[in-house]
Amino acid sequence: MSWVRTFEDVLVGIALLNLTISVVIVRSESLTVPQKLAQVLIVWLIPPLGGMLIGMFMWTQRGRAPATGYRPIPHESTRHIEEAVNHAAPPAWYPDNSS
């Protein structure tokens, strides 16, 4: 096997890795559109390191990353927000000027 064939095989492998990671990024529901665009650009502009780094990041974040873009998450309670908004303000404190 010549070094040219080996080099071609490496390039095909990098392209397949980048394509796979790009699909994972685009299909992710936990990223906003600008985040997806930036990550896909990193994958294709800095190969093969970009694909490996973003791929490892996506792999470690699967299933744990909260959705972004301010979409409501059905299983999360908003009670803590309601309590903070409706909580009475603490009493005003005025320094003692009697001394």
PDB file of N, CA and C in Angstrom:
ATOM      1  N   MET A   1       0.860  -1.175   0.000  1.00  0.00           N
ATOM      2  CA  MET A   1       0.000   0.000   0.000  1.00  0.00           C
ATOM      3  C   MET A   1       0.905   1.238   0.000  1.00  0.00           C
ATOM      4  N   SER A   2       0.628   2.138  -0.898  1.00  0.00           N
ATOM      5  CA  SER A   2       1.461   3.328  -1.013  1.00  0.00           C
ATOM      6  C   SER A   2       1.026   4.388  -0.005  1.00  0.00           C
ATOM      7  N   TRP A   3       1.892   5.340   0.204  1.00  0.00           N
ATOM      8  CA  TRP A   3       1.578   6.425   1.145  1.00  0.00           C
ATOM      9  C   TRP A   3       0.440   7.281   0.609  1.00  0.00           C
ATOM     10  N   VAL A   4       0.269   7.369  -0.705  1.00  0.00           N
ATOM     11  CA  VAL A   4      -0.840   8.145  -1.281  1.00  0.00           C
ATOM     12  C   VAL A   4      -2.171   7.499  -0.931  1.00  0.00           C
ATOM     13  N   ARG A   5      -2.254   6.191  -1.041  1.00  0.00           N
ATOM     14  CA  ARG A   5      -3.489   5.474  -0.701  1.00  0.00           C
ATOM     15  C   ARG A   5      -3.785   5.613   0.797  1.00  0.00           C
ATOM     16  N   THR A   6      -2.765   5.527   1.618  1.00  0.00           N
ATOM     17  CA  THR A   6      -2.940   5.703   3.060  1.00  0.00           C
ATOM     18  C   THR A   6      -3.449   7.104   3.365  1.00  0.00           C
ATOM     19  N   PHE A   7      -2.877   8.111   2.708  1.00  0.00           N
ATOM     20  CA  PHE A   7      -3.293   9.494   2.908  1.00  0.00           C
ATOM     21  C   PHE A   7      -4.747   9.682   2.489  1.00  0.00           C
ATOM     22  N   GLU A   8      -5.144   9.083   1.366  1.00  0.00           N
ATOM     23  CA  GLU A   8      -6.532   9.159   0.910  1.00  0.00           C
ATOM     24  C   GLU A   8      -7.475   8.511   1.919  1.00  0.00           C
ATOM     25  N   ASP A   9      -7.065   7.367   2.462  1.00  0.00           N
ATOM     26  CA  ASP A   9      -7.888   6.686   3.461  1.00  0.00           C
ATOM     27  C   ASP A   9      -8.058   7.546   4.719  1.00  0.00           C
ATOM     28  N   VAL A  10      -6.996   8.218   5.128  1.00  0.00           N
ATOM     29  CA  VAL A  10      -7.072   9.090   6.300  1.00  0.00           C
ATOM     30  C   VAL A  10      -8.025  10.255   6.024  1.00  0.00           C
ATOM     31  N   LEU A  11      -7.928  10.844   4.837  1.00  0.00           N
ATOM     32  CA  LEU A  11      -8.825  11.955   4.489  1.00  0.00           C
ATOM     33  C   LEU A  11     -10.285  11.512   4.444  1.00  0.00           C
ATOM     34  N   VAL A  12     -10.540  10.340   3.904  1.00  0.00           N
ATOM     35  CA  VAL A  12     -11.908   9.814   3.877  1.00  0.00           C
ATOM     36  C   VAL A  12     -12.397   9.574   5.308  1.00  0.00           C
ATOM     37  N   GLY A  13     -11.542   9.046   6.160  1.00  0.00           N
ATOM     38  CA  GLY A  13     -11.912   8.830   7.562  1.00  0.00           C
ATOM     39  C   GLY A  13     -12.233  10.124   8.278  1.00  0.00           C
ATOM     40  N   ILE A  14     -11.423  11.151   8.037  1.00  0.00           N
ATOM     41  CA  ILE A  14     -11.677  12.464   8.656  1.00  0.00           C
ATOM     42  C   ILE A  14     -12.988  13.040   8.143  1.00  0.00           C
ATOM     43  N   ALA A  15     -13.232  12.923   6.847  1.00  0.00           N
ATOM     44  CA  ALA A  15     -14.476  13.440   6.274  1.00  0.00           C
ATOM     45  C   ALA A  15     -15.691  12.722   6.857  1.00  0.00           C
ATOM     46  N   LEU A  16     -15.609  11.397   7.017  1.00  0.00           N
ATOM     47  CA  LEU A  16     -16.723  10.646   7.611  1.00  0.00           C
ATOM     48  C   LEU A  16     -16.935  11.029   9.073  1.00  0.00           C
ATOM     49  N   LEU A  17     -15.841  11.207   9.808  1.00  0.00           N
ATOM     50  CA  LEU A  17     -15.946  11.655  11.198  1.00  0.00           C
ATOM     51  C   LEU A  17     -16.610  13.027  11.266  1.00  0.00           C
ATOM     52  N   ASN A  18     -16.154  13.958  10.427  1.00  0.00           N
ATOM     53  CA  ASN A  18     -16.724  15.306  10.433  1.00  0.00           C
ATOM     54  C   ASN A  18     -18.190  15.290  10.034  1.00  0.00           C
ATOM     55  N   LEU A  19     -18.547  14.479   9.056  1.00  0.00           N
ATOM     56  CA  LEU A  19     -19.941  14.387   8.625  1.00  0.00           C
ATOM     57  C   LEU A  19     -20.816  13.820   9.737  1.00  0.00           C
ATOM     58  N   THR A  20     -20.334  12.778  10.400  1.00  0.00           N
ATOM     59  CA  THR A  20     -21.083  12.177  11.506  1.00  0.00           C
ATOM     60  C   THR A  20     -21.284  13.174  12.641  1.00  0.00           C
ATOM     61  N   ILE A  21     -20.223  13.856  13.043  1.00  0.00           N
ATOM     62  CA  ILE A  21     -20.321  14.828  14.132  1.00  0.00           C
ATOM     63  C   ILE A  21     -21.217  15.992  13.730  1.00  0.00           C
ATOM     64  N   SER A  22     -21.156  16.427  12.475  1.00  0.00           N
ATOM     65  CA  SER A  22     -22.012  17.522  11.998  1.00  0.00           C
ATOM     66  C   SER A  22     -23.483  17.146  12.101  1.00  0.00           C
ATOM     67  N   VAL A  23     -23.819  15.908  11.752  1.00  0.00           N
ATOM     68  CA  VAL A  23     -25.206  15.449  11.858  1.00  0.00           C
ATOM     69  C   VAL A  23     -25.645  15.428  13.316  1.00  0.00           C
ATOM     70  N   VAL A  24     -24.780  14.954  14.208  1.00  0.00           N
ATOM     71  CA  VAL A  24     -25.110  14.924  15.645  1.00  0.00           C
ATOM     72  C   VAL A  24     -25.346  16.343  16.161  1.00  0.00           C
ATOM     73  N   ILE A  25     -24.518  17.289  15.738  1.00  0.00           N
ATOM     74  CA  ILE A  25     -24.658  18.670  16.186  1.00  0.00           C
ATOM     75  C   ILE A  25     -25.970  19.259  15.686  1.00  0.00           C
ATOM     76  N   VAL A  26     -26.261  19.097  14.408  1.00  0.00           N
ATOM     77  CA  VAL A  26     -27.462  19.681  13.823  1.00  0.00           C
ATOM     78  C   VAL A  26     -28.727  19.089  14.436  1.00  0.00           C
ATOM     79  N   ARG A  27     -28.700  17.815  14.782  1.00  0.00           N
ATOM     80  CA  ARG A  27     -29.888  17.164  15.351  1.00  0.00           C
ATOM     81  C   ARG A  27     -30.047  17.405  16.845  1.00  0.00           C
ATOM     82  N   SER A  28     -29.042  17.991  17.492  1.00  0.00           N
ATOM     83  CA  SER A  28     -29.096  18.224  18.929  1.00  0.00           C
ATOM     84  C   SER A  28     -30.175  19.254  19.270  1.00  0.00           C
ATOM     85  N   GLU A  29     -30.961  18.936  20.287  1.00  0.00           N
ATOM     86  CA  GLU A  29     -32.001  19.859  20.740  1.00  0.00           C
ATOM     87  C   GLU A  29     -31.516  20.766  21.856  1.00  0.00           C
ATOM     88  N   SER A  30     -30.312  20.536  22.351  1.00  0.00           N
ATOM     89  CA  SER A  30     -29.818  21.325  23.476  1.00  0.00           C
ATOM     90  C   SER A  30     -28.935  22.486  23.034  1.00  0.00           C
ATOM     91  N   LEU A  31     -28.850  22.744  21.734  1.00  0.00           N
ATOM     92  CA  LEU A  31     -28.038  23.845  21.225  1.00  0.00           C
ATOM     93  C   LEU A  31     -28.910  24.814  20.430  1.00  0.00           C
ATOM     94  N   THR A  32     -28.569  26.079  20.495  1.00  0.00           N
ATOM     95  CA  THR A  32     -29.251  27.067  19.672  1.00  0.00           C
ATOM     96  C   THR A  32     -28.658  27.030  18.270  1.00  0.00           C
ATOM     97  N   VAL A  33     -29.330  27.677  17.330  1.00  0.00           N
ATOM     98  CA  VAL A  33     -28.849  27.683  15.942  1.00  0.00           C
ATOM     99  C   VAL A  33     -27.454  28.309  15.836  1.00  0.00           C
ATOM    100  N   PRO A  34     -27.175  29.455  16.491  1.00  0.00           N
ATOM    101  CA  PRO A  34     -25.810  29.991  16.406  1.00  0.00           C
ATOM    102  C   PRO A  34     -24.761  29.048  16.992  1.00  0.00           C
ATOM    103  N   GLN A  35     -25.090  28.335  18.070  1.00  0.00           N
ATOM    104  CA  GLN A  35     -24.156  27.375  18.652  1.00  0.00           C
ATOM    105  C   GLN A  35     -23.893  26.228  17.682  1.00  0.00           C
ATOM    106  N   LYS A  36     -24.959  25.750  17.034  1.00  0.00           N
ATOM    107  CA  LYS A  36     -24.804  24.670  16.055  1.00  0.00           C
ATOM    108  C   LYS A  36     -23.918  25.120  14.903  1.00  0.00           C
ATOM    109  N   LEU A  37     -24.168  26.320  14.390  1.00  0.00           N
ATOM    110  CA  LEU A  37     -23.379  26.830  13.273  1.00  0.00           C
ATOM    111  C   LEU A  37     -21.903  26.953  13.648  1.00  0.00           C
ATOM    112  N   ALA A  38     -21.638  27.505  14.826  1.00  0.00           N
ATOM    113  CA  ALA A  38     -20.255  27.684  15.270  1.00  0.00           C
ATOM    114  C   ALA A  38     -19.558  26.331  15.425  1.00  0.00           C
ATOM    115  N   GLN A  39     -20.247  25.359  16.001  1.00  0.00           N
ATOM    116  CA  GLN A  39     -19.614  24.063  16.219  1.00  0.00           C
ATOM    117  C   GLN A  39     -19.373  23.317  14.907  1.00  0.00           C
ATOM    118  N   VAL A  40     -20.313  23.409  13.970  1.00  0.00           N
ATOM    119  CA  VAL A  40     -20.100  22.762  12.670  1.00  0.00           C
ATOM    120  C   VAL A  40     -18.935  23.425  11.943  1.00  0.00           C
ATOM    121  N   LEU A  41     -18.828  24.750  12.039  1.00  0.00           N
ATOM    122  CA  LEU A  41     -17.692  25.439  11.416  1.00  0.00           C
ATOM    123  C   LEU A  41     -16.368  24.998  12.039  1.00  0.00           C
ATOM    124  N   ILE A  42     -16.347  24.843  13.351  1.00  0.00           N
ATOM    125  CA  ILE A  42     -15.130  24.374  14.017  1.00  0.00           C
ATOM    126  C   ILE A  42     -14.764  22.979  13.520  1.00  0.00           C
ATOM    127  N   VAL A  43     -15.768  22.112  13.402  1.00  0.00           N
ATOM    128  CA  VAL A  43     -15.515  20.737  12.957  1.00  0.00           C
ATOM    129  C   VAL A  43     -14.887  20.725  11.568  1.00  0.00           C
ATOM    130  N   TRP A  44     -15.387  21.554  10.644  1.00  0.00           N
ATOM    131  CA  TRP A  44     -14.896  21.503   9.268  1.00  0.00           C
ATOM    132  C   TRP A  44     -13.680  22.381   9.024  1.00  0.00           C
ATOM    133  N   LEU A  45     -13.481  23.417   9.825  1.00  0.00           N
ATOM    134  CA  LEU A  45     -12.344  24.302   9.592  1.00  0.00           C
ATOM    135  C   LEU A  45     -11.087  23.863  10.344  1.00  0.00           C
ATOM    136  N   ILE A  46     -11.233  23.032  11.348  1.00  0.00           N
ATOM    137  CA  ILE A  46     -10.081  22.583  12.123  1.00  0.00           C
ATOM    138  C   ILE A  46     -10.073  21.047  12.156  1.00  0.00           C
ATOM    139  N   PRO A  47     -10.031  20.394  10.992  1.00  0.00           N
ATOM    140  CA  PRO A  47     -10.010  18.928  11.026  1.00  0.00           C
ATOM    141  C   PRO A  47      -8.606  18.440  11.327  1.00  0.00           C
ATOM    142  N   PRO A  48      -8.395  17.286  11.862  1.00  0.00           N
ATOM    143  CA  PRO A  48      -9.369  16.381  12.455  1.00  0.00           C
ATOM    144  C   PRO A  48      -9.610  16.706  13.918  1.00  0.00           C
ATOM    145  N   LEU A  49      -8.821  17.618  14.469  1.00  0.00           N
ATOM    146  CA  LEU A  49      -8.932  17.946  15.890  1.00  0.00           C
ATOM    147  C   LEU A  49     -10.305  18.516  16.237  1.00  0.00           C
ATOM    148  N   GLY A  50     -10.833  19.372  15.374  1.00  0.00           N
ATOM    149  CA  GLY A  50     -12.146  19.976  15.636  1.00  0.00           C
ATOM    150  C   GLY A  50     -13.226  18.920  15.781  1.00  0.00           C
ATOM    151  N   GLY A  51     -13.251  17.963  14.863  1.00  0.00           N
ATOM    152  CA  GLY A  51     -14.254  16.902  14.925  1.00  0.00           C
ATOM    153  C   GLY A  51     -14.112  16.046  16.162  1.00  0.00           C
ATOM    154  N   MET A  52     -12.880  15.736  16.523  1.00  0.00           N
ATOM    155  CA  MET A  52     -12.679  14.905  17.713  1.00  0.00           C
ATOM    156  C   MET A  52     -13.080  15.656  18.985  1.00  0.00           C
ATOM    157  N   LEU A  53     -12.700  16.928  19.087  1.00  0.00           N
ATOM    158  CA  LEU A  53     -13.019  17.694  20.305  1.00  0.00           C
ATOM    159  C   LEU A  53     -14.524  17.916  20.452  1.00  0.00           C
ATOM    160  N   ILE A  54     -15.170  18.382  19.382  1.00  0.00           N
ATOM    161  CA  ILE A  54     -16.614  18.608  19.456  1.00  0.00           C
ATOM    162  C   ILE A  54     -17.342  17.279  19.626  1.00  0.00           C
ATOM    163  N   GLY A  55     -16.863  16.233  18.974  1.00  0.00           N
ATOM    164  CA  GLY A  55     -17.479  14.915  19.136  1.00  0.00           C
ATOM    165  C   GLY A  55     -17.408  14.429  20.572  1.00  0.00           C
ATOM    166  N   MET A  56     -16.253  14.590  21.204  1.00  0.00           N
ATOM    167  CA  MET A  56     -16.131  14.191  22.612  1.00  0.00           C
ATOM    168  C   MET A  56     -17.034  15.041  23.492  1.00  0.00           C
ATOM    169  N   PHE A  57     -17.135  16.338  23.200  1.00  0.00           N
ATOM    170  CA  PHE A  57     -18.016  17.214  23.978  1.00  0.00           C
ATOM    171  C   PHE A  57     -19.467  16.766  23.842  1.00  0.00           C
ATOM    172  N   MET A  58     -19.910  16.519  22.603  1.00  0.00           N
ATOM    173  CA  MET A  58     -21.289  16.090  22.390  1.00  0.00           C
ATOM    174  C   MET A  58     -21.552  14.743  23.068  1.00  0.00           C
ATOM    175  N   TRP A  59     -20.571  13.842  23.036  1.00  0.00           N
ATOM    176  CA  TRP A  59     -20.718  12.528  23.667  1.00  0.00           C
ATOM    177  C   TRP A  59     -20.876  12.664  25.181  1.00  0.00           C
ATOM    178  N   THR A  60     -20.100  13.547  25.795  1.00  0.00           N
ATOM    179  CA  THR A  60     -20.183  13.691  27.251  1.00  0.00           C
ATOM    180  C   THR A  60     -21.423  14.448  27.690  1.00  0.00           C
ATOM    181  N   GLN A  61     -22.024  15.227  26.819  1.00  0.00           N
ATOM    182  CA  GLN A  61     -23.187  16.031  27.188  1.00  0.00           C
ATOM    183  C   GLN A  61     -24.512  15.372  26.842  1.00  0.00           C
ATOM    184  N   ARG A  62     -24.502  14.231  26.199  1.00  0.00           N
ATOM    185  CA  ARG A  62     -25.743  13.617  25.750  1.00  0.00           C
ATOM    186  C   ARG A  62     -26.647  13.287  26.931  1.00  0.00           C
ATOM    187  N   GLY A  63     -27.883  13.703  26.830  1.00  0.00           N
ATOM    188  CA  GLY A  63     -28.871  13.396  27.851  1.00  0.00           C
ATOM    189  C   GLY A  63     -28.797  14.232  29.107  1.00  0.00           C
ATOM    190  N   ARG A  64     -27.752  15.030  29.284  1.00  0.00           N
ATOM    191  CA  ARG A  64     -27.614  15.811  30.510  1.00  0.00           C
ATOM    192  C   ARG A  64     -27.765  17.297  30.279  1.00  0.00           C
ATOM    193  N   ALA A  65     -27.531  17.757  29.066  1.00  0.00           N
ATOM    194  CA  ALA A  65     -27.520  19.190  28.801  1.00  0.00           C
ATOM    195  C   ALA A  65     -28.946  19.727  28.765  1.00  0.00           C
ATOM    196  N   PRO A  66     -29.218  20.800  29.490  1.00  0.00           N
ATOM    197  CA  PRO A  66     -30.550  21.394  29.421  1.00  0.00           C
ATOM    198  C   PRO A  66     -30.743  22.074  28.074  1.00  0.00           C
ATOM    199  N   ALA A  67     -31.967  22.093  27.622  1.00  0.00           N
ATOM    200  CA  ALA A  67     -32.274  22.771  26.364  1.00  0.00           C
ATOM    201  C   ALA A  67     -32.049  24.268  26.518  1.00  0.00           C
ATOM    202  N   THR A  68     -31.519  24.888  25.484  1.00  0.00           N
ATOM    203  CA  THR A  68     -31.305  26.328  25.513  1.00  0.00           C
ATOM    204  C   THR A  68     -32.344  27.006  24.641  1.00  0.00           C
ATOM    205  N   GLY A  69     -32.344  28.302  24.601  1.00  0.00           N
ATOM    206  CA  GLY A  69     -33.297  29.033  23.795  1.00  0.00           C
ATOM    207  C   GLY A  69     -34.562  29.364  24.570  1.00  0.00           C
ATOM    208  N   TYR A  70     -34.553  29.204  25.887  1.00  0.00           N
ATOM    209  CA  TYR A  70     -35.666  29.574  26.756  1.00  0.00           C
ATOM    210  C   TYR A  70     -36.938  28.801  26.456  1.00  0.00           C
ATOM    211  N   ARG A  71     -36.803  27.561  26.028  1.00  0.00           N
ATOM    212  CA  ARG A  71     -37.974  26.716  25.849  1.00  0.00           C
ATOM    213  C   ARG A  71     -38.323  26.116  27.202  1.00  0.00           C
ATOM    214  N   PRO A  72     -39.609  25.984  27.506  1.00  0.00           N
ATOM    215  CA  PRO A  72     -39.971  25.359  28.781  1.00  0.00           C
ATOM    216  C   PRO A  72     -39.632  23.881  28.774  1.00  0.00           C
ATOM    217  N   ILE A  73     -39.181  23.395  29.914  1.00  0.00           N
ATOM    218  CA  ILE A  73     -38.864  21.979  30.074  1.00  0.00           C
ATOM    219  C   ILE A  73     -39.962  21.378  30.938  1.00  0.00           C
ATOM    220  N   PRO A  74     -40.721  20.413  30.402  1.00  0.00           N
ATOM    221  CA  PRO A  74     -41.904  19.909  31.104  1.00  0.00           C
ATOM    222  C   PRO A  74     -41.631  19.347  32.494  1.00  0.00           C
ATOM    223  N   HIS A  75     -40.496  18.699  32.712  1.00  0.00           N
ATOM    224  CA  HIS A  75     -40.256  18.054  34.001  1.00  0.00           C
ATOM    225  C   HIS A  75     -39.702  19.019  35.051  1.00  0.00           C
ATOM    226  N   GLU A  76     -39.390  20.240  34.682  1.00  0.00           N
ATOM    227  CA  GLU A  76     -38.851  21.191  35.652  1.00  0.00           C
ATOM    228  C   GLU A  76     -39.970  22.053  36.238  1.00  0.00           C
ATOM    229  N   SER A  77     -39.888  22.277  37.512  1.00  0.00           N
ATOM    230  CA  SER A  77     -40.865  23.107  38.189  1.00  0.00           C
ATOM    231  C   SER A  77     -40.417  24.562  38.158  1.00  0.00           C
ATOM    232  N   THR A  78     -41.400  25.446  38.003  1.00  0.00           N
ATOM    233  CA  THR A  78     -41.088  26.885  38.038  1.00  0.00           C
ATOM    234  C   THR A  78     -41.479  27.482  39.382  1.00  0.00           C
ATOM    235  N   ARG A  79     -41.744  26.637  40.368  1.00  0.00           N
ATOM    236  CA  ARG A  79     -42.186  27.121  41.664  1.00  0.00           C
ATOM    237  C   ARG A  79     -41.153  28.045  42.315  1.00  0.00           C
ATOM    238  N   HIS A  80     -39.859  27.747  42.164  1.00  0.00           N
ATOM    239  CA  HIS A  80     -38.831  28.588  42.779  1.00  0.00           C
ATOM    240  C   HIS A  80     -38.841  29.990  42.165  1.00  0.00           C
ATOM    241  N   ILE A  81     -39.195  30.116  40.902  1.00  0.00           N
ATOM    242  CA  ILE A  81     -39.293  31.439  40.271  1.00  0.00           C
ATOM    243  C   ILE A  81     -40.497  32.178  40.823  1.00  0.00           C
ATOM    244  N   GLU A  82     -41.628  31.476  40.933  1.00  0.00           N
ATOM    245  CA  GLU A  82     -42.833  32.099  41.471  1.00  0.00           C
ATOM    246  C   GLU A  82     -42.612  32.574  42.911  1.00  0.00           C
ATOM    247  N   GLU A  83     -41.928  31.773  43.716  1.00  0.00           N
ATOM    248  CA  GLU A  83     -41.669  32.155  45.101  1.00  0.00           C
ATOM    249  C   GLU A  83     -40.776  33.394  45.167  1.00  0.00           C
ATOM    250  N   ALA A  84     -39.790  33.471  44.297  1.00  0.00           N
ATOM    251  CA  ALA A  84     -38.893  34.624  44.305  1.00  0.00           C
ATOM    252  C   ALA A  84     -39.625  35.893  43.872  1.00  0.00           C
ATOM    253  N   VAL A  85     -40.507  35.771  42.909  1.00  0.00           N
ATOM    254  CA  VAL A  85     -41.233  36.939  42.406  1.00  0.00           C
ATOM    255  C   VAL A  85     -42.281  37.397  43.403  1.00  0.00           C
ATOM    256  N   ASN A  86     -42.981  36.458  44.030  1.00  0.00           N
ATOM    257  CA  ASN A  86     -44.092  36.806  44.917  1.00  0.00           C
ATOM    258  C   ASN A  86     -43.686  36.943  46.382  1.00  0.00           C
ATOM    259  N   HIS A  87     -42.413  36.759  46.695  1.00  0.00           N
ATOM    260  CA  HIS A  87     -41.945  36.835  48.073  1.00  0.00           C
ATOM    261  C   HIS A  87     -41.937  38.284  48.528  1.00  0.00           C
ATOM    262  N   ALA A  88     -42.390  38.498  49.755  1.00  0.00           N
ATOM    263  CA  ALA A  88     -42.394  39.856  50.305  1.00  0.00           C
ATOM    264  C   ALA A  88     -40.966  40.355  50.479  1.00  0.00           C
ATOM    265  N   ALA A  89     -40.780  41.625  50.248  1.00  0.00           N
ATOM    266  CA  ALA A  89     -39.459  42.220  50.399  1.00  0.00           C
ATOM    267  C   ALA A  89     -39.068  42.237  51.868  1.00  0.00           C
ATOM    268  N   PRO A  90     -37.794  42.131  52.179  1.00  0.00           N
ATOM    269  CA  PRO A  90     -37.370  42.189  53.574  1.00  0.00           C
ATOM    270  C   PRO A  90     -37.647  43.588  54.135  1.00  0.00           C
ATOM    271  N   PRO A  91     -37.813  43.683  55.446  1.00  0.00           N
ATOM    272  CA  PRO A  91     -38.078  44.998  56.035  1.00  0.00           C
ATOM    273  C   PRO A  91     -36.901  45.945  55.796  1.00  0.00           C
ATOM    274  N   ALA A  92     -37.249  47.185  55.633  1.00  0.00           N
ATOM    275  CA  ALA A  92     -36.211  48.200  55.405  1.00  0.00           C
ATOM    276  C   ALA A  92     -35.384  48.357  56.677  1.00  0.00           C
ATOM    277  N   TRP A  93     -34.098  48.550  56.539  1.00  0.00           N
ATOM    278  CA  TRP A  93     -33.202  48.708  57.675  1.00  0.00           C
ATOM    279  C   TRP A  93     -32.676  50.121  57.676  1.00  0.00           C
ATOM    280  N   TYR A  94     -32.844  50.770  58.785  1.00  0.00           N
ATOM    281  CA  TYR A  94     -32.348  52.133  58.924  1.00  0.00           C
ATOM    282  C   TYR A  94     -31.351  52.159  60.066  1.00  0.00           C
ATOM    283  N   PRO A  95     -30.195  52.736  59.862  1.00  0.00           N
ATOM    284  CA  PRO A  95     -29.206  52.783  60.942  1.00  0.00           C
ATOM    285  C   PRO A  95     -29.733  53.600  62.129  1.00  0.00           C
ATOM    286  N   ASP A  96     -29.324  53.190  63.302  1.00  0.00           N
ATOM    287  CA  ASP A  96     -29.726  53.881  64.523  1.00  0.00           C
ATOM    288  C   ASP A  96     -28.903  55.158  64.653  1.00  0.00           C
ATOM    289  N   ASN A  97     -29.558  56.317  64.598  1.00  0.00           N
ATOM    290  CA  ASN A  97     -28.854  57.610  64.687  1.00  0.00           C
ATOM    291  C   ASN A  97     -28.935  58.201  66.085  1.00  0.00           C
ATOM    292  N   SER A  98     -29.262  57.395  67.095  1.00  0.00           N
ATOM    293  CA  SER A  98     -29.423  57.924  68.440  1.00  0.00           C
ATOM    294  C   SER A  98     -28.094  58.158  69.167  1.00  0.00           C
ATOM    295  N   SER A  99     -26.982  57.653  68.693  1.00  0.00           N
ATOM    296  CA  SER A  99     -25.741  57.800  69.435  1.00  0.00           C
ATOM    297  C   SER A  99     -25.038  59.072  69.150  1.00  0.00           C
TER     298      SER A  99
END
